[in-house]
């Protein structure tokens, strides 16, 4: 029986990505599956603080091993925005289409389109806190390309590729993504803690 962890998310896309990366090494329980329906606040100015807020909240509620993640798209010419406001960049409704439109509009006639996705994972294991980071550097495409993925995937081209995340298969994206890099560090750590 694999060890289980609560993943502090209501986002089914993220849960699918994480399960794909984990390949059944550990049993992942989402908030919905754990019967937790409340939205966890993300009131802080950094990804690290928001990730920790989520994992601490879930640990307080469940007293079970858990992890959370916060991910931000950081665009160089926009001074690192949207950053912590990634999901709600165009307003509180978490509207991906409007978020993308806002980024593309702000980058009209801007030459520097360098950006990076950064994922921070906060793990609470046996009551102790640990943190892992994954970064995927790339550029913002001139327009939306591709139909897969979610969020900003249609406009983010990772370094070394001609294609956006939304033009890639799940496998191709997860080979290079920020979430994959952070998850790899988490997996490596957990296998030292749970060697069996």
N, C-alpha and C. Protein backbone atom coordinates (compact mmCIF):
# COMPACT_ATOMS: atom_id res chain seq x y z
N UNK A 1 0.86 -1.21 0.00
CA UNK A 1 0.00 0.00 0.00
C UNK A 1 0.88 1.25 0.00
N UNK A 2 0.76 2.13 -1.02
CA UNK A 2 1.62 3.32 -1.04
C UNK A 2 1.26 4.30 0.08
N UNK A 3 2.27 5.06 0.52
CA UNK A 3 2.03 6.11 1.51
C UNK A 3 1.09 7.14 0.90
N UNK A 4 0.27 7.78 1.73
CA UNK A 4 -0.68 8.77 1.20
C UNK A 4 -0.36 10.18 1.69
N UNK A 5 -0.70 11.12 0.83
CA UNK A 5 -0.51 12.54 1.10
C UNK A 5 -1.75 13.28 0.64
N UNK A 6 -2.20 14.24 1.43
CA UNK A 6 -3.27 15.12 0.96
C UNK A 6 -2.63 16.23 0.12
N UNK A 7 -3.15 16.44 -1.07
CA UNK A 7 -2.68 17.52 -1.95
C UNK A 7 -3.67 18.66 -1.81
N UNK A 8 -3.21 19.78 -1.28
CA UNK A 8 -4.08 20.91 -0.96
C UNK A 8 -4.49 21.68 -2.21
N UNK A 9 -5.36 21.06 -3.01
CA UNK A 9 -5.85 21.75 -4.21
C UNK A 9 -7.28 21.32 -4.52
N UNK A 10 -8.02 22.25 -5.11
CA UNK A 10 -9.34 21.93 -5.68
C UNK A 10 -9.23 21.89 -7.20
N UNK A 11 -8.01 22.11 -7.72
CA UNK A 11 -7.80 22.23 -9.16
C UNK A 11 -7.55 20.83 -9.76
N UNK A 12 -8.53 20.33 -10.51
CA UNK A 12 -8.41 18.98 -11.07
C UNK A 12 -7.28 18.86 -12.08
N UNK A 13 -6.99 19.95 -12.83
CA UNK A 13 -5.88 19.92 -13.79
C UNK A 13 -4.56 19.69 -13.06
N UNK A 14 -4.36 20.41 -11.96
CA UNK A 14 -3.12 20.25 -11.18
C UNK A 14 -3.03 18.83 -10.61
N UNK A 15 -4.15 18.34 -10.10
CA UNK A 15 -4.17 16.99 -9.51
C UNK A 15 -3.80 15.94 -10.57
N UNK A 16 -4.33 16.09 -11.79
CA UNK A 16 -4.01 15.16 -12.87
C UNK A 16 -2.53 15.20 -13.22
N UNK A 17 -1.97 16.42 -13.31
CA UNK A 17 -0.54 16.57 -13.61
C UNK A 17 0.32 15.91 -12.56
N UNK A 18 -0.02 16.17 -11.30
CA UNK A 18 0.77 15.63 -10.19
C UNK A 18 0.70 14.10 -10.17
N UNK A 19 -0.49 13.56 -10.39
CA UNK A 19 -0.63 12.09 -10.40
C UNK A 19 0.14 11.49 -11.58
N UNK A 20 0.13 12.19 -12.70
CA UNK A 20 0.87 11.71 -13.88
C UNK A 20 2.37 11.64 -13.56
N UNK A 21 2.86 12.68 -12.88
CA UNK A 21 4.29 12.73 -12.53
C UNK A 21 4.64 11.66 -11.50
N UNK A 22 3.77 11.46 -10.52
CA UNK A 22 4.05 10.51 -9.44
C UNK A 22 3.98 9.05 -9.88
N UNK A 23 3.19 8.77 -10.93
CA UNK A 23 3.10 7.39 -11.43
C UNK A 23 2.83 6.37 -10.31
N UNK A 24 1.87 6.68 -9.45
CA UNK A 24 1.43 5.76 -8.39
C UNK A 24 2.48 5.46 -7.31
N UNK A 25 3.56 6.28 -7.24
CA UNK A 25 4.53 6.06 -6.16
C UNK A 25 3.90 6.31 -4.79
N UNK A 26 3.04 7.35 -4.74
CA UNK A 26 2.33 7.68 -3.50
C UNK A 26 0.85 7.87 -3.83
N UNK A 27 0.02 7.69 -2.82
CA UNK A 27 -1.42 7.86 -2.99
C UNK A 27 -1.77 9.33 -2.70
N UNK A 28 -2.29 10.01 -3.72
CA UNK A 28 -2.62 11.43 -3.58
C UNK A 28 -4.12 11.60 -3.34
N UNK A 29 -4.46 12.35 -2.31
CA UNK A 29 -5.86 12.62 -1.98
C UNK A 29 -6.08 14.12 -2.14
N UNK A 30 -6.98 14.52 -3.04
CA UNK A 30 -7.26 15.95 -3.23
C UNK A 30 -8.16 16.44 -2.11
N UNK A 31 -8.32 17.75 -2.01
CA UNK A 31 -9.19 18.32 -0.98
C UNK A 31 -10.63 17.84 -1.15
N UNK A 32 -11.10 17.80 -2.39
CA UNK A 32 -12.47 17.32 -2.63
C UNK A 32 -12.63 15.89 -2.15
N UNK A 33 -11.63 15.06 -2.45
CA UNK A 33 -11.68 13.65 -2.03
C UNK A 33 -11.60 13.51 -0.51
N UNK A 34 -10.94 14.49 0.13
CA UNK A 34 -10.83 14.47 1.60
C UNK A 34 -12.05 15.11 2.26
N UNK A 35 -12.99 15.59 1.43
CA UNK A 35 -14.21 16.20 1.97
C UNK A 35 -14.02 17.64 2.44
N UNK A 36 -12.94 18.28 1.96
CA UNK A 36 -12.67 19.67 2.35
C UNK A 36 -13.07 20.58 1.19
N UNK A 37 -14.13 21.34 1.38
CA UNK A 37 -14.67 22.15 0.27
C UNK A 37 -14.28 23.62 0.37
N UNK A 38 -13.82 24.05 1.53
CA UNK A 38 -13.53 25.48 1.70
C UNK A 38 -12.32 25.92 0.87
N UNK A 39 -12.39 27.15 0.40
CA UNK A 39 -11.27 27.75 -0.32
C UNK A 39 -10.22 28.18 0.70
N UNK A 40 -8.97 27.83 0.44
CA UNK A 40 -7.91 28.22 1.37
C UNK A 40 -7.37 29.58 0.92
N UNK A 41 -7.29 30.54 1.83
CA UNK A 41 -6.83 31.87 1.44
C UNK A 41 -5.37 31.87 0.97
N UNK A 42 -5.08 32.78 0.03
CA UNK A 42 -3.71 33.00 -0.44
C UNK A 42 -3.42 34.49 -0.30
N UNK A 43 -3.27 34.94 0.95
CA UNK A 43 -3.22 36.38 1.19
C UNK A 43 -1.84 37.02 1.06
N UNK A 44 -0.82 36.22 0.80
CA UNK A 44 0.56 36.71 0.93
C UNK A 44 1.15 37.24 -0.38
N UNK A 45 2.32 37.84 -0.25
CA UNK A 45 2.97 38.47 -1.41
C UNK A 45 4.01 37.59 -2.08
N UNK A 46 4.21 36.38 -1.55
CA UNK A 46 5.17 35.46 -2.18
C UNK A 46 4.54 34.09 -2.36
N UNK A 47 5.04 33.37 -3.36
CA UNK A 47 4.56 32.00 -3.61
C UNK A 47 4.86 31.13 -2.40
N UNK A 48 6.04 31.34 -1.80
CA UNK A 48 6.45 30.52 -0.65
C UNK A 48 5.46 30.65 0.51
N UNK A 49 5.10 31.89 0.83
CA UNK A 49 4.17 32.11 1.96
C UNK A 49 2.78 31.55 1.66
N UNK A 50 2.33 31.70 0.41
CA UNK A 50 1.01 31.18 0.05
C UNK A 50 0.98 29.65 0.09
N UNK A 51 2.05 29.02 -0.41
CA UNK A 51 2.11 27.55 -0.38
C UNK A 51 2.10 27.06 1.07
N UNK A 52 2.86 27.72 1.93
CA UNK A 52 2.93 27.32 3.34
C UNK A 52 1.60 27.53 4.04
N UNK A 53 0.94 28.64 3.71
CA UNK A 53 -0.39 28.92 4.29
C UNK A 53 -1.35 27.76 4.00
N UNK A 54 -1.32 27.28 2.75
CA UNK A 54 -2.23 26.20 2.35
C UNK A 54 -1.90 24.90 3.06
N UNK A 55 -0.62 24.53 3.09
CA UNK A 55 -0.27 23.25 3.72
C UNK A 55 -0.52 23.29 5.23
N UNK A 56 -0.21 24.43 5.87
CA UNK A 56 -0.45 24.54 7.32
C UNK A 56 -1.94 24.48 7.65
N UNK A 57 -2.75 25.10 6.80
CA UNK A 57 -4.21 25.07 7.01
C UNK A 57 -4.73 23.63 6.94
N UNK A 58 -4.30 22.90 5.92
CA UNK A 58 -4.77 21.52 5.75
C UNK A 58 -4.25 20.62 6.86
N UNK A 59 -3.00 20.84 7.27
CA UNK A 59 -2.46 20.03 8.37
C UNK A 59 -3.23 20.30 9.67
N UNK A 60 -3.58 21.56 9.87
CA UNK A 60 -4.33 21.92 11.07
C UNK A 60 -5.71 21.24 11.08
N UNK A 61 -6.33 21.16 9.91
CA UNK A 61 -7.66 20.55 9.80
C UNK A 61 -7.59 19.02 9.92
N UNK A 62 -6.59 18.42 9.25
CA UNK A 62 -6.58 16.96 9.11
C UNK A 62 -5.57 16.23 10.00
N UNK A 63 -4.50 16.95 10.40
CA UNK A 63 -3.39 16.33 11.14
C UNK A 63 -2.72 15.21 10.33
N UNK A 64 -2.84 15.31 9.00
CA UNK A 64 -2.26 14.27 8.13
C UNK A 64 -1.15 14.88 7.27
N UNK A 65 -0.22 14.03 6.82
CA UNK A 65 0.83 14.48 5.92
C UNK A 65 0.19 15.10 4.68
N UNK A 66 0.70 16.26 4.29
CA UNK A 66 0.08 16.96 3.16
C UNK A 66 1.10 17.84 2.45
N UNK A 67 0.75 18.25 1.25
CA UNK A 67 1.58 19.23 0.55
C UNK A 67 0.68 20.14 -0.28
N UNK A 68 1.20 21.31 -0.57
CA UNK A 68 0.48 22.25 -1.41
C UNK A 68 1.50 22.85 -2.37
N UNK A 69 0.99 23.54 -3.36
CA UNK A 69 1.93 24.24 -4.24
C UNK A 69 1.32 25.56 -4.65
N UNK A 70 2.18 26.51 -4.92
CA UNK A 70 1.73 27.76 -5.51
C UNK A 70 2.62 28.01 -6.71
N UNK A 71 2.00 28.39 -7.80
CA UNK A 71 2.75 28.58 -9.04
C UNK A 71 2.49 29.97 -9.57
N UNK A 72 3.55 30.60 -10.07
CA UNK A 72 3.40 31.92 -10.64
C UNK A 72 4.08 32.01 -11.99
N UNK A 73 3.46 32.76 -12.89
CA UNK A 73 4.11 33.12 -14.15
C UNK A 73 4.78 34.47 -13.91
N UNK A 74 6.08 34.54 -14.15
CA UNK A 74 6.84 35.77 -13.89
C UNK A 74 7.41 36.29 -15.21
N UNK A 75 6.87 37.42 -15.66
CA UNK A 75 7.26 38.00 -16.94
C UNK A 75 8.27 39.11 -16.69
N UNK A 76 9.45 38.97 -17.30
CA UNK A 76 10.57 39.89 -17.01
C UNK A 76 10.22 41.35 -17.24
N UNK A 77 9.65 41.65 -18.41
CA UNK A 77 9.38 43.06 -18.73
C UNK A 77 8.18 43.63 -17.97
N UNK A 78 7.46 42.77 -17.25
CA UNK A 78 6.34 43.24 -16.40
C UNK A 78 6.76 43.21 -14.93
N UNK A 79 8.07 43.31 -14.69
CA UNK A 79 8.62 43.33 -13.33
C UNK A 79 8.20 42.10 -12.50
N UNK A 80 8.15 40.96 -13.19
CA UNK A 80 7.84 39.72 -12.48
C UNK A 80 6.35 39.43 -12.33
N UNK A 81 5.53 40.32 -12.86
CA UNK A 81 4.09 40.04 -12.81
C UNK A 81 3.74 38.96 -13.85
N UNK A 82 2.61 38.26 -13.69
CA UNK A 82 1.63 38.37 -12.61
C UNK A 82 2.05 37.76 -11.28
N UNK A 83 3.07 36.87 -11.26
CA UNK A 83 3.58 36.35 -9.98
C UNK A 83 2.51 35.73 -9.12
N UNK A 84 2.39 36.21 -7.87
CA UNK A 84 1.40 35.63 -6.94
C UNK A 84 -0.03 35.89 -7.41
N UNK A 85 -0.20 36.84 -8.33
CA UNK A 85 -1.56 37.14 -8.82
C UNK A 85 -1.89 36.35 -10.09
N UNK A 86 -1.09 35.32 -10.39
CA UNK A 86 -1.20 34.59 -11.65
C UNK A 86 -2.62 34.14 -11.96
N UNK A 87 -3.30 33.53 -11.00
CA UNK A 87 -4.64 32.98 -11.25
C UNK A 87 -5.71 34.07 -11.38
N UNK A 88 -5.45 35.21 -10.73
CA UNK A 88 -6.48 36.27 -10.69
C UNK A 88 -5.95 37.57 -11.32
N UNK A 89 -5.10 37.45 -12.32
CA UNK A 89 -4.44 38.62 -12.89
C UNK A 89 -5.43 39.62 -13.47
N UNK A 90 -6.47 39.12 -14.12
CA UNK A 90 -7.45 40.02 -14.76
C UNK A 90 -8.66 40.27 -13.88
N UNK A 91 -8.61 39.78 -12.64
CA UNK A 91 -9.75 39.97 -11.73
C UNK A 91 -9.96 38.75 -10.84
N UNK A 92 -10.86 38.86 -9.88
CA UNK A 92 -11.02 37.80 -8.88
C UNK A 92 -11.63 36.50 -9.40
N UNK A 93 -12.13 36.50 -10.64
CA UNK A 93 -12.88 35.33 -11.13
C UNK A 93 -12.01 34.16 -11.61
N UNK A 94 -10.68 34.29 -11.59
CA UNK A 94 -9.78 33.23 -12.09
C UNK A 94 -10.12 32.85 -13.53
N UNK A 95 -10.23 33.85 -14.39
CA UNK A 95 -10.61 33.64 -15.79
C UNK A 95 -9.34 33.55 -16.65
N UNK A 96 -8.99 32.32 -17.06
CA UNK A 96 -7.75 32.11 -17.82
C UNK A 96 -7.71 32.90 -19.12
N UNK A 97 -8.85 32.94 -19.79
CA UNK A 97 -8.93 33.63 -21.09
C UNK A 97 -8.60 35.12 -20.91
N UNK A 98 -9.22 35.73 -19.90
CA UNK A 98 -8.99 37.16 -19.65
C UNK A 98 -7.55 37.41 -19.16
N UNK A 99 -7.02 36.49 -18.36
CA UNK A 99 -5.64 36.62 -17.90
C UNK A 99 -4.67 36.64 -19.08
N UNK A 100 -4.89 35.72 -20.01
CA UNK A 100 -4.05 35.64 -21.21
C UNK A 100 -4.17 36.91 -22.03
N UNK A 101 -5.40 37.37 -22.22
CA UNK A 101 -5.63 38.60 -23.00
C UNK A 101 -4.88 39.78 -22.37
N UNK A 102 -4.91 39.86 -21.04
CA UNK A 102 -4.25 40.98 -20.35
C UNK A 102 -2.74 40.93 -20.56
N UNK A 103 -2.15 39.75 -20.45
CA UNK A 103 -0.70 39.61 -20.66
C UNK A 103 -0.33 40.01 -22.08
N UNK A 104 -1.05 39.45 -23.06
CA UNK A 104 -0.74 39.74 -24.46
C UNK A 104 -0.88 41.22 -24.77
N UNK A 105 -1.91 41.83 -24.20
CA UNK A 105 -2.12 43.27 -24.40
C UNK A 105 -0.96 44.07 -23.82
N UNK A 106 -0.52 43.69 -22.63
CA UNK A 106 0.58 44.44 -21.99
C UNK A 106 1.90 44.25 -22.72
N UNK A 107 2.02 43.16 -23.46
CA UNK A 107 3.27 42.89 -24.17
C UNK A 107 3.22 43.33 -25.64
N UNK A 108 2.16 44.03 -26.02
CA UNK A 108 2.07 44.55 -27.39
C UNK A 108 3.27 45.46 -27.66
N UNK A 109 3.98 45.17 -28.76
CA UNK A 109 5.17 45.94 -29.16
C UNK A 109 6.32 45.89 -28.14
N UNK A 110 6.27 44.94 -27.21
CA UNK A 110 7.38 44.77 -26.26
C UNK A 110 8.31 43.69 -26.80
N UNK A 111 9.60 44.03 -26.94
CA UNK A 111 10.55 43.10 -27.52
C UNK A 111 10.92 41.98 -26.55
N UNK A 112 11.16 42.34 -25.30
CA UNK A 112 11.57 41.34 -24.30
C UNK A 112 10.35 40.55 -23.82
N UNK A 113 10.26 39.31 -24.26
CA UNK A 113 9.12 38.47 -23.88
C UNK A 113 9.56 37.32 -22.98
N UNK A 114 10.72 37.48 -22.35
CA UNK A 114 11.22 36.43 -21.45
C UNK A 114 10.30 36.26 -20.25
N UNK A 115 10.09 35.01 -19.87
CA UNK A 115 9.23 34.72 -18.72
C UNK A 115 9.67 33.40 -18.10
N UNK A 116 9.17 33.15 -16.91
CA UNK A 116 9.40 31.85 -16.31
C UNK A 116 8.19 31.46 -15.47
N UNK A 117 7.94 30.17 -15.43
CA UNK A 117 6.98 29.61 -14.50
C UNK A 117 7.77 29.14 -13.29
N UNK A 118 7.27 29.46 -12.10
CA UNK A 118 7.94 29.02 -10.88
C UNK A 118 6.92 28.35 -9.97
N UNK A 119 7.24 27.14 -9.56
CA UNK A 119 6.38 26.39 -8.65
C UNK A 119 7.10 26.23 -7.31
N UNK A 120 6.39 26.50 -6.25
CA UNK A 120 6.91 26.26 -4.89
C UNK A 120 5.99 25.24 -4.22
N UNK A 121 6.59 24.16 -3.74
CA UNK A 121 5.83 23.13 -3.02
C UNK A 121 6.16 23.23 -1.54
N UNK A 122 5.11 23.23 -0.73
CA UNK A 122 5.27 23.21 0.73
C UNK A 122 4.76 21.85 1.22
N UNK A 123 5.65 21.10 1.86
CA UNK A 123 5.31 19.77 2.38
C UNK A 123 5.31 19.82 3.90
N UNK A 124 4.28 19.25 4.51
CA UNK A 124 4.31 19.03 5.96
C UNK A 124 4.27 17.53 6.18
N UNK A 125 5.37 17.01 6.70
CA UNK A 125 5.55 15.58 6.93
C UNK A 125 5.84 15.34 8.39
N UNK A 126 4.99 14.57 9.02
CA UNK A 126 5.13 14.30 10.47
C UNK A 126 5.26 15.62 11.24
N UNK A 127 4.52 16.64 10.80
CA UNK A 127 4.50 17.92 11.51
C UNK A 127 5.64 18.87 11.18
N UNK A 128 6.61 18.43 10.36
CA UNK A 128 7.73 19.31 9.98
C UNK A 128 7.50 19.88 8.59
N UNK A 129 7.99 21.13 8.38
CA UNK A 129 7.76 21.83 7.11
C UNK A 129 9.01 21.75 6.21
N UNK A 130 8.77 21.49 4.94
CA UNK A 130 9.85 21.44 3.94
C UNK A 130 9.38 22.19 2.68
N UNK A 131 10.34 22.72 1.91
CA UNK A 131 9.97 23.48 0.72
C UNK A 131 10.84 23.09 -0.48
N UNK A 132 10.21 23.03 -1.66
CA UNK A 132 10.90 22.65 -2.89
C UNK A 132 10.47 23.61 -4.00
N UNK A 133 11.41 23.91 -4.92
CA UNK A 133 11.12 24.88 -5.99
C UNK A 133 11.47 24.30 -7.35
N UNK A 134 10.65 24.61 -8.34
CA UNK A 134 10.94 24.24 -9.72
C UNK A 134 10.71 25.43 -10.64
N UNK A 135 11.65 25.65 -11.56
CA UNK A 135 11.56 26.79 -12.48
C UNK A 135 11.66 26.30 -13.92
N UNK A 136 10.78 26.82 -14.78
CA UNK A 136 10.86 26.56 -16.21
C UNK A 136 10.94 27.90 -16.93
N UNK A 137 12.08 28.17 -17.55
CA UNK A 137 12.27 29.44 -18.26
C UNK A 137 11.73 29.32 -19.68
N UNK A 138 11.31 30.46 -20.23
CA UNK A 138 10.79 30.44 -21.59
C UNK A 138 10.43 31.84 -22.06
N UNK A 139 9.51 31.90 -23.02
CA UNK A 139 9.07 33.19 -23.57
C UNK A 139 7.55 33.17 -23.75
N UNK A 140 6.99 34.37 -23.86
CA UNK A 140 5.55 34.51 -24.11
C UNK A 140 5.32 34.59 -25.62
N UNK A 141 4.47 33.70 -26.13
CA UNK A 141 4.16 33.67 -27.57
C UNK A 141 3.39 34.93 -27.97
N UNK A 142 3.43 35.30 -29.27
CA UNK A 142 2.71 36.51 -29.70
C UNK A 142 1.19 36.36 -29.64
N UNK A 143 0.73 35.10 -29.69
CA UNK A 143 -0.72 34.85 -29.59
C UNK A 143 -0.95 33.44 -29.06
N UNK A 144 -2.20 33.12 -28.78
CA UNK A 144 -2.51 31.79 -28.24
C UNK A 144 -2.26 30.70 -29.28
N UNK A 145 -1.64 29.62 -28.82
CA UNK A 145 -1.33 28.50 -29.70
C UNK A 145 -1.57 27.19 -28.94
N UNK A 146 -2.40 26.31 -29.52
CA UNK A 146 -2.62 25.00 -28.91
C UNK A 146 -3.89 24.94 -28.08
N UNK A 147 -4.33 23.71 -27.83
CA UNK A 147 -5.63 23.51 -27.17
C UNK A 147 -5.54 22.71 -25.87
N UNK A 148 -4.38 22.14 -25.54
CA UNK A 148 -4.30 21.31 -24.33
C UNK A 148 -3.85 22.15 -23.13
N UNK A 149 -3.72 21.49 -21.99
CA UNK A 149 -3.24 22.19 -20.80
C UNK A 149 -4.27 23.11 -20.19
N UNK A 150 -3.80 24.06 -19.40
CA UNK A 150 -4.72 24.99 -18.72
C UNK A 150 -3.95 26.27 -18.38
N UNK A 151 -4.67 27.26 -17.86
CA UNK A 151 -4.02 28.50 -17.45
C UNK A 151 -3.35 29.20 -18.62
N UNK A 152 -2.08 29.54 -18.44
CA UNK A 152 -1.32 30.29 -19.45
C UNK A 152 -0.63 29.39 -20.47
N UNK A 153 -0.90 28.09 -20.44
CA UNK A 153 -0.22 27.15 -21.33
C UNK A 153 -0.25 27.55 -22.81
N UNK A 154 -1.36 28.15 -23.32
CA UNK A 154 -1.39 28.51 -24.75
C UNK A 154 -0.42 29.62 -25.15
N UNK A 155 0.16 30.34 -24.19
CA UNK A 155 1.08 31.43 -24.59
C UNK A 155 2.49 31.25 -24.03
N UNK A 156 2.77 30.12 -23.35
CA UNK A 156 4.11 29.94 -22.78
C UNK A 156 4.91 28.92 -23.58
N UNK A 157 6.04 29.39 -24.13
CA UNK A 157 6.94 28.51 -24.89
C UNK A 157 8.18 28.24 -24.03
N UNK A 158 8.37 26.99 -23.56
CA UNK A 158 9.55 26.71 -22.73
C UNK A 158 10.84 26.78 -23.54
N UNK A 159 11.93 27.12 -22.88
CA UNK A 159 13.24 27.20 -23.52
C UNK A 159 13.55 25.90 -24.28
N UNK A 160 14.10 26.06 -25.49
CA UNK A 160 14.49 24.88 -26.27
C UNK A 160 13.36 24.29 -27.10
N UNK A 161 12.18 24.92 -27.06
CA UNK A 161 11.04 24.41 -27.82
C UNK A 161 10.49 25.49 -28.74
N UNK A 162 9.80 25.06 -29.80
CA UNK A 162 9.09 26.01 -30.67
C UNK A 162 7.61 26.02 -30.33
N UNK A 163 7.22 25.13 -29.42
CA UNK A 163 5.80 24.95 -29.13
C UNK A 163 5.42 25.44 -27.74
N UNK A 164 4.18 25.91 -27.61
CA UNK A 164 3.68 26.28 -26.29
C UNK A 164 3.34 25.00 -25.53
N UNK A 165 3.17 25.15 -24.21
CA UNK A 165 2.74 24.01 -23.39
C UNK A 165 1.42 23.43 -23.92
N UNK A 166 0.56 24.31 -24.45
CA UNK A 166 -0.76 23.86 -24.93
C UNK A 166 -0.69 23.11 -26.26
N UNK A 167 0.50 23.10 -26.88
CA UNK A 167 0.68 22.33 -28.12
C UNK A 167 1.38 21.00 -27.86
N UNK A 168 1.70 20.76 -26.59
CA UNK A 168 2.43 19.55 -26.22
C UNK A 168 1.50 18.49 -25.64
N UNK A 169 1.96 17.25 -25.70
CA UNK A 169 1.24 16.19 -24.98
C UNK A 169 1.54 16.36 -23.48
N UNK A 170 0.73 15.70 -22.66
CA UNK A 170 0.96 15.72 -21.21
C UNK A 170 2.38 15.26 -20.88
N UNK A 171 2.82 14.24 -21.59
CA UNK A 171 4.16 13.68 -21.35
C UNK A 171 5.26 14.68 -21.70
N UNK A 172 5.10 15.33 -22.86
CA UNK A 172 6.10 16.31 -23.30
C UNK A 172 6.18 17.48 -22.31
N UNK A 173 5.02 17.99 -21.91
CA UNK A 173 4.99 19.11 -20.96
C UNK A 173 5.62 18.70 -19.63
N UNK A 174 5.22 17.54 -19.13
CA UNK A 174 5.70 17.11 -17.82
C UNK A 174 7.17 16.73 -17.80
N UNK A 175 7.77 16.64 -18.98
CA UNK A 175 9.20 16.36 -19.05
C UNK A 175 10.02 17.60 -18.68
N UNK A 176 9.45 18.79 -18.95
CA UNK A 176 10.23 20.03 -18.77
C UNK A 176 9.59 21.03 -17.81
N UNK A 177 8.37 20.76 -17.36
CA UNK A 177 7.63 21.79 -16.64
C UNK A 177 8.19 22.12 -15.26
N UNK A 178 7.86 23.30 -14.80
CA UNK A 178 8.20 23.80 -13.47
C UNK A 178 7.64 22.88 -12.39
N UNK A 179 6.41 22.44 -12.60
CA UNK A 179 5.78 21.56 -11.59
C UNK A 179 6.52 20.23 -11.52
N UNK A 180 6.95 19.73 -12.68
CA UNK A 180 7.71 18.48 -12.72
C UNK A 180 9.02 18.62 -11.94
N UNK A 181 9.71 19.74 -12.15
CA UNK A 181 11.00 19.94 -11.49
C UNK A 181 10.83 20.01 -9.98
N UNK A 182 9.80 20.71 -9.53
CA UNK A 182 9.54 20.79 -8.08
C UNK A 182 9.11 19.43 -7.54
N UNK A 183 8.26 18.73 -8.30
CA UNK A 183 7.78 17.41 -7.87
C UNK A 183 8.93 16.41 -7.80
N UNK A 184 9.87 16.49 -8.74
CA UNK A 184 11.03 15.58 -8.71
C UNK A 184 11.82 15.74 -7.41
N UNK A 185 11.96 16.99 -6.96
CA UNK A 185 12.66 17.24 -5.70
C UNK A 185 11.86 16.68 -4.52
N UNK A 186 10.54 16.86 -4.58
CA UNK A 186 9.67 16.31 -3.53
C UNK A 186 9.77 14.79 -3.49
N UNK A 187 9.70 14.15 -4.66
CA UNK A 187 9.76 12.68 -4.75
C UNK A 187 11.09 12.17 -4.19
N UNK A 188 12.17 12.83 -4.59
CA UNK A 188 13.51 12.42 -4.12
C UNK A 188 13.58 12.48 -2.60
N UNK A 189 13.02 13.55 -2.04
CA UNK A 189 13.01 13.72 -0.58
C UNK A 189 12.15 12.63 0.08
N UNK A 190 10.95 12.42 -0.45
CA UNK A 190 10.05 11.45 0.16
C UNK A 190 10.59 10.02 0.11
N UNK A 191 11.32 9.71 -0.95
CA UNK A 191 11.87 8.35 -1.04
C UNK A 191 12.97 8.13 0.00
N UNK A 192 13.58 9.22 0.47
CA UNK A 192 14.56 9.05 1.56
C UNK A 192 13.84 8.88 2.90
N UNK A 193 12.65 9.49 3.01
CA UNK A 193 11.88 9.40 4.25
C UNK A 193 11.05 8.10 4.31
N UNK A 194 10.60 7.68 3.11
CA UNK A 194 9.77 6.46 3.00
C UNK A 194 10.48 5.48 2.06
N UNK A 195 11.56 4.87 2.49
CA UNK A 195 12.34 4.03 1.57
C UNK A 195 11.63 2.76 1.09
N UNK A 196 10.63 2.27 1.85
CA UNK A 196 9.98 1.02 1.46
C UNK A 196 8.99 1.25 0.32
